[in-house]
PDB file of N, CA and C in Angstrom:
ATOM      1  N   UNK A   1     -28.221 -35.193 108.958  1.00  0.00           N
ATOM      2  CA  UNK A   1     -28.011 -34.632 108.933  1.00  0.00           C
ATOM      3  C   UNK A   1     -28.208 -34.895 107.093  1.00  0.00           C
ATOM      4  N   UNK A   2     -26.939 -34.226 106.156  1.00  0.00           N
ATOM      5  CA  UNK A   2     -27.034 -35.491 104.515  1.00  0.00           C
ATOM      6  C   UNK A   2     -28.601 -36.150 103.850  1.00  0.00           C
ATOM      7  N   UNK A   3     -28.464 -36.689 105.226  1.00  0.00           N
ATOM      8  CA  UNK A   3     -30.268 -37.551 104.472  1.00  0.00           C
ATOM      9  C   UNK A   3     -31.211 -36.943 104.203  1.00  0.00           C
ATOM     10  N   UNK A   4     -30.771 -35.725 104.488  1.00  0.00           N
ATOM     11  CA  UNK A   4     -32.751 -35.037 104.418  1.00  0.00           C
ATOM     12  C   UNK A   4     -32.310 -34.466 103.447  1.00  0.00           C
ATOM     13  N   UNK A   5     -30.652 -33.643 102.509  1.00  0.00           N
ATOM     14  CA  UNK A   5     -30.876 -33.376 101.991  1.00  0.00           C
ATOM     15  C   UNK A   5     -30.161 -34.022  99.725  1.00  0.00           C
ATOM     16  N   UNK A   6     -31.114 -33.047  99.499  1.00  0.00           N
ATOM     17  CA  UNK A   6     -31.030 -33.669  98.002  1.00  0.00           C
ATOM     18  C   UNK A   6     -29.676 -34.321  97.156  1.00  0.00           C
ATOM     19  N   UNK A   7     -29.602 -34.637  96.378  1.00  0.00           N
ATOM     20  CA  UNK A   7     -28.323 -34.384  95.428  1.00  0.00           C
ATOM     21  C   UNK A   7     -27.381 -33.182  95.255  1.00  0.00           C
ATOM     22  N   UNK A   8     -28.741 -32.310  94.872  1.00  0.00           N
ATOM     23  CA  UNK A   8     -28.079 -31.281  94.205  1.00  0.00           C
ATOM     24  C   UNK A   8     -27.339 -30.440  95.564  1.00  0.00           C
ATOM     25  N   UNK A   9     -27.937 -30.538  97.397  1.00  0.00           N
ATOM     26  CA  UNK A   9     -27.299 -30.095  98.486  1.00  0.00           C
ATOM     27  C   UNK A   9     -26.614 -29.883  99.004  1.00  0.00           C
ATOM     28  N   UNK A  10     -26.369 -31.868  98.768  1.00  0.00           N
ATOM     29  CA  UNK A  10     -24.933 -32.568  98.895  1.00  0.00           C
ATOM     30  C   UNK A  10     -23.965 -31.885  98.363  1.00  0.00           C
ATOM     31  N   UNK A  11     -24.040 -32.458  97.355  1.00  0.00           N
ATOM     32  CA  UNK A  11     -22.437 -31.585  96.307  1.00  0.00           C
ATOM     33  C   UNK A  11     -22.527 -29.755  96.389  1.00  0.00           C
ATOM     34  N   UNK A  12     -23.510 -29.104  96.756  1.00  0.00           N
ATOM     35  CA  UNK A  12     -22.569 -28.140  97.683  1.00  0.00           C
ATOM     36  C   UNK A  12     -22.477 -27.752  98.691  1.00  0.00           C
ATOM     37  N   UNK A  13     -22.857 -28.820  99.628  1.00  0.00           N
ATOM     38  CA  UNK A  13     -22.235 -29.162 101.401  1.00  0.00           C
ATOM     39  C   UNK A  13     -20.722 -29.688 100.790  1.00  0.00           C
ATOM     40  N   UNK A  14     -20.760 -30.158 100.315  1.00  0.00           N
ATOM     41  CA  UNK A  14     -19.201 -31.122 100.052  1.00  0.00           C
ATOM     42  C   UNK A  14     -18.267 -29.949  99.227  1.00  0.00           C
ATOM     43  N   UNK A  15     -18.782 -29.186  97.984  1.00  0.00           N
ATOM     44  CA  UNK A  15     -17.828 -27.490  98.206  1.00  0.00           C
ATOM     45  C   UNK A  15     -17.138 -26.937  98.566  1.00  0.00           C
ATOM     46  N   UNK A  16     -19.072 -26.757  99.736  1.00  0.00           N
ATOM     47  CA  UNK A  16     -18.522 -25.286 100.613  1.00  0.00           C
ATOM     48  C   UNK A  16     -17.324 -26.590 102.601  1.00  0.00           C
ATOM     49  N   UNK A  17     -17.250 -27.562 102.107  1.00  0.00           N
ATOM     50  CA  UNK A  17     -16.568 -27.714 103.132  1.00  0.00           C
ATOM     51  C   UNK A  17     -14.620 -28.281 102.227  1.00  0.00           C
ATOM     52  N   UNK A  18     -14.302 -28.520 101.454  1.00  0.00           N
ATOM     53  CA  UNK A  18     -14.106 -28.891 100.900  1.00  0.00           C
ATOM     54  C   UNK A  18     -13.126 -27.540 100.968  1.00  0.00           C
ATOM     55  N   UNK A  19     -14.043 -27.293 100.610  1.00  0.00           N
ATOM     56  CA  UNK A  19     -13.386 -25.328 100.212  1.00  0.00           C
ATOM     57  C   UNK A  19     -12.589 -24.972 101.856  1.00  0.00           C
ATOM     58  N   UNK A  20     -12.949 -25.063 103.322  1.00  0.00           N
ATOM     59  CA  UNK A  20     -13.044 -24.845 103.930  1.00  0.00           C
ATOM     60  C   UNK A  20     -11.632 -26.195 104.577  1.00  0.00           C
ATOM     61  N   UNK A  21     -11.359 -26.485 103.602  1.00  0.00           N
ATOM     62  CA  UNK A  21     -10.223 -28.069 104.439  1.00  0.00           C
ATOM     63  C   UNK A  21      -8.804 -27.409 103.586  1.00  0.00           C
ATOM     64  N   UNK A  22      -9.600 -26.793 101.671  1.00  0.00           N
ATOM     65  CA  UNK A  22      -8.609 -26.780 101.488  1.00  0.00           C
ATOM     66  C   UNK A  22      -7.476 -24.620 102.086  1.00  0.00           C
ATOM     67  N   UNK A  23      -8.805 -24.239 102.821  1.00  0.00           N
ATOM     68  CA  UNK A  23      -7.624 -22.962 103.502  1.00  0.00           C
ATOM     69  C   UNK A  23      -6.724 -23.484 104.994  1.00  0.00           C
ATOM     70  N   UNK A  24      -8.308 -24.604 105.382  1.00  0.00           N
ATOM     71  CA  UNK A  24      -7.306 -24.524 106.426  1.00  0.00           C
ATOM     72  C   UNK A  24      -5.107 -25.065 106.398  1.00  0.00           C
ATOM     73  N   UNK A  25      -5.216 -25.908 104.884  1.00  0.00           N
ATOM     74  CA  UNK A  25      -4.408 -26.174 104.945  1.00  0.00           C
ATOM     75  C   UNK A  25      -3.660 -25.825 104.324  1.00  0.00           C
ATOM     76  N   UNK A  26      -4.125 -25.045 103.319  1.00  0.00           N
ATOM     77  CA  UNK A  26      -3.143 -23.192 103.205  1.00  0.00           C
ATOM     78  C   UNK A  26      -2.472 -22.768 104.209  1.00  0.00           C
ATOM     79  N   UNK A  27      -3.624 -22.591 105.022  1.00  0.00           N
ATOM     80  CA  UNK A  27      -2.584 -22.269 105.996  1.00  0.00           C
ATOM     81  C   UNK A  27      -2.212 -22.735 106.676  1.00  0.00           C
ATOM     82  N   UNK A  28      -2.143 -23.847 107.672  1.00  0.00           N
ATOM     83  CA  UNK A  28      -1.125 -24.991 107.788  1.00  0.00           C
ATOM     84  C   UNK A  28       0.706 -24.432 106.884  1.00  0.00           C
ATOM     85  N   UNK A  29       0.299 -25.190 105.696  1.00  0.00           N
ATOM     86  CA  UNK A  29       1.605 -24.323 105.349  1.00  0.00           C
ATOM     87  C   UNK A  29       1.916 -23.851 105.224  1.00  0.00           C
ATOM     88  N   UNK A  30       1.402 -21.992 104.637  1.00  0.00           N
ATOM     89  CA  UNK A  30       2.469 -20.902 105.710  1.00  0.00           C
ATOM     90  C   UNK A  30       2.646 -20.772 107.076  1.00  0.00           C
ATOM     91  N   UNK A  31       2.165 -21.313 107.975  1.00  0.00           N
ATOM     92  CA  UNK A  31       2.521 -21.448 109.314  1.00  0.00           C
ATOM     93  C   UNK A  31       3.771 -21.930 109.960  1.00  0.00           C
ATOM     94  N   UNK A  32       4.206 -22.571 108.658  1.00  0.00           N
ATOM     95  CA  UNK A  32       5.365 -23.972 108.630  1.00  0.00           C
ATOM     96  C   UNK A  32       6.178 -23.120 108.353  1.00  0.00           C
ATOM     97  N   UNK A  33       6.509 -21.983 106.791  1.00  0.00           N
ATOM     98  CA  UNK A  33       7.334 -21.139 106.823  1.00  0.00           C
ATOM     99  C   UNK A  33       7.969 -20.913 107.954  1.00  0.00           C
ATOM    100  N   UNK A  34       7.368 -20.052 108.177  1.00  0.00           N
ATOM    101  CA  UNK A  34       7.868 -18.895 110.138  1.00  0.00           C
ATOM    102  C   UNK A  34       7.130 -17.196 109.631  1.00  0.00           C
ATOM    103  N   UNK A  35       7.733 -16.856 110.338  1.00  0.00           N
ATOM    104  CA  UNK A  35       8.216 -15.164 110.052  1.00  0.00           C
ATOM    105  C   UNK A  35       8.783 -15.503 108.994  1.00  0.00           C
ATOM    106  N   UNK A  36       7.984 -14.321 108.589  1.00  0.00           N
ATOM    107  CA  UNK A  36       8.963 -13.278 107.349  1.00  0.00           C
ATOM    108  C   UNK A  36      10.104 -12.913 107.100  1.00  0.00           C
ATOM    109  N   UNK A  37      11.346 -13.176 106.491  1.00  0.00           N
ATOM    110  CA  UNK A  37      11.970 -12.437 106.829  1.00  0.00           C
ATOM    111  C   UNK A  37      12.311 -10.869 106.106  1.00  0.00           C
ATOM    112  N   UNK A  38      13.004  -9.988 106.926  1.00  0.00           N
ATOM    113  CA  UNK A  38      12.888  -8.425 106.209  1.00  0.00           C
ATOM    114  C   UNK A  38      13.817  -8.804 105.369  1.00  0.00           C
ATOM    115  N   UNK A  39      12.925  -7.843 104.592  1.00  0.00           N
ATOM    116  CA  UNK A  39      13.115  -7.019 103.115  1.00  0.00           C
ATOM    117  C   UNK A  39      14.026  -6.880 102.675  1.00  0.00           C
ATOM    118  N   UNK A  40      15.094  -5.860 103.683  1.00  0.00           N
ATOM    119  CA  UNK A  40      15.762  -4.947 103.680  1.00  0.00           C
ATOM    120  C   UNK A  40      16.880  -5.813 103.629  1.00  0.00           C
ATOM    121  N   UNK A  41      17.077  -7.260 104.108  1.00  0.00           N
ATOM    122  CA  UNK A  41      18.447  -8.330 104.726  1.00  0.00           C
ATOM    123  C   UNK A  41      19.028  -8.748 103.439  1.00  0.00           C
ATOM    124  N   UNK A  42      20.511  -8.805 103.674  1.00  0.00           N
ATOM    125  CA  UNK A  42      21.702  -8.839 102.668  1.00  0.00           C
ATOM    126  C   UNK A  42      21.591 -10.576 102.360  1.00  0.00           C
ATOM    127  N   UNK A  43      21.206 -10.768 100.995  1.00  0.00           N
ATOM    128  CA  UNK A  43      20.981 -12.213 100.336  1.00  0.00           C
ATOM    129  C   UNK A  43      22.771 -12.692 100.633  1.00  0.00           C
ATOM    130  N   UNK A  44      23.202 -13.612 101.006  1.00  0.00           N
ATOM    131  CA  UNK A  44      24.027 -14.150 101.574  1.00  0.00           C
ATOM    132  C   UNK A  44      25.089 -14.380  99.745  1.00  0.00           C
ATOM    133  N   UNK A  45      26.182 -14.189  99.467  1.00  0.00           N
ATOM    134  CA  UNK A  45      27.297 -14.272  98.754  1.00  0.00           C
ATOM    135  C   UNK A  45      27.569 -15.582  97.972  1.00  0.00           C
ATOM    136  N   UNK A  46      27.609 -16.913  99.543  1.00  0.00           N
ATOM    137  CA  UNK A  46      28.231 -17.584  98.450  1.00  0.00           C
ATOM    138  C   UNK A  46      27.348 -18.701  98.221  1.00  0.00           C
ATOM    139  N   UNK A  47      26.142 -18.323  97.279  1.00  0.00           N
ATOM    140  CA  UNK A  47      25.182 -19.349  97.117  1.00  0.00           C
ATOM    141  C   UNK A  47      25.443 -20.282  96.435  1.00  0.00           C
ATOM    142  N   UNK A  48      25.591 -21.140  95.569  1.00  0.00           N
ATOM    143  CA  UNK A  48      25.783 -21.761  93.754  1.00  0.00           C
ATOM    144  C   UNK A  48      24.961 -21.833  93.667  1.00  0.00           C
ATOM    145  N   UNK A  49      25.471 -22.054  92.312  1.00  0.00           N
ATOM    146  CA  UNK A  49      24.814 -21.098  91.477  1.00  0.00           C
ATOM    147  C   UNK A  49      23.721 -22.799  90.882  1.00  0.00           C
ATOM    148  N   UNK A  50      24.281 -23.677  91.405  1.00  0.00           N
ATOM    149  CA  UNK A  50      23.558 -25.027  90.752  1.00  0.00           C
ATOM    150  C   UNK A  50      23.409 -25.870  92.116  1.00  0.00           C
ATOM    151  N   UNK A  51      21.642 -26.628  91.453  1.00  0.00           N
ATOM    152  CA  UNK A  51      21.297 -27.320  92.869  1.00  0.00           C
ATOM    153  C   UNK A  51      21.896 -28.948  93.498  1.00  0.00           C
ATOM    154  N   UNK A  52      23.315 -28.940  91.712  1.00  0.00           N
ATOM    155  CA  UNK A  52      24.326 -29.978  92.558  1.00  0.00           C
ATOM    156  C   UNK A  52      24.959 -29.653  93.428  1.00  0.00           C
ATOM    157  N   UNK A  53      25.980 -28.520  92.560  1.00  0.00           N
ATOM    158  CA  UNK A  53      26.816 -27.619  93.404  1.00  0.00           C
ATOM    159  C   UNK A  53      26.619 -28.366  95.172  1.00  0.00           C
ATOM    160  N   UNK A  54      24.860 -27.600  95.107  1.00  0.00           N
ATOM    161  CA  UNK A  54      25.213 -27.002  96.386  1.00  0.00           C
ATOM    162  C   UNK A  54      25.017 -28.291  97.009  1.00  0.00           C
ATOM    163  N   UNK A  55      24.235 -29.843  97.003  1.00  0.00           N
ATOM    164  CA  UNK A  55      24.248 -30.592  97.512  1.00  0.00           C
ATOM    165  C   UNK A  55      25.805 -31.565  97.570  1.00  0.00           C
ATOM    166  N   UNK A  56      26.257 -30.461  97.552  1.00  0.00           N
ATOM    167  CA  UNK A  56      27.653 -31.645  97.208  1.00  0.00           C
ATOM    168  C   UNK A  56      28.539 -31.188  98.808  1.00  0.00           C
TER     169      UNK A  56
END
């Protein structure tokens, strides 16, 4: 199909397909987070202030 397109049409098709793929990736990443947490839930009080303390 792309053989029939001129350069401008090929660029437009590439932009469209790239946009679709980026949207698919965004959907996949958002699904990895799972369901949204309840905003009224209490935040734990024992979270370390720094990453170093958290990782140790």
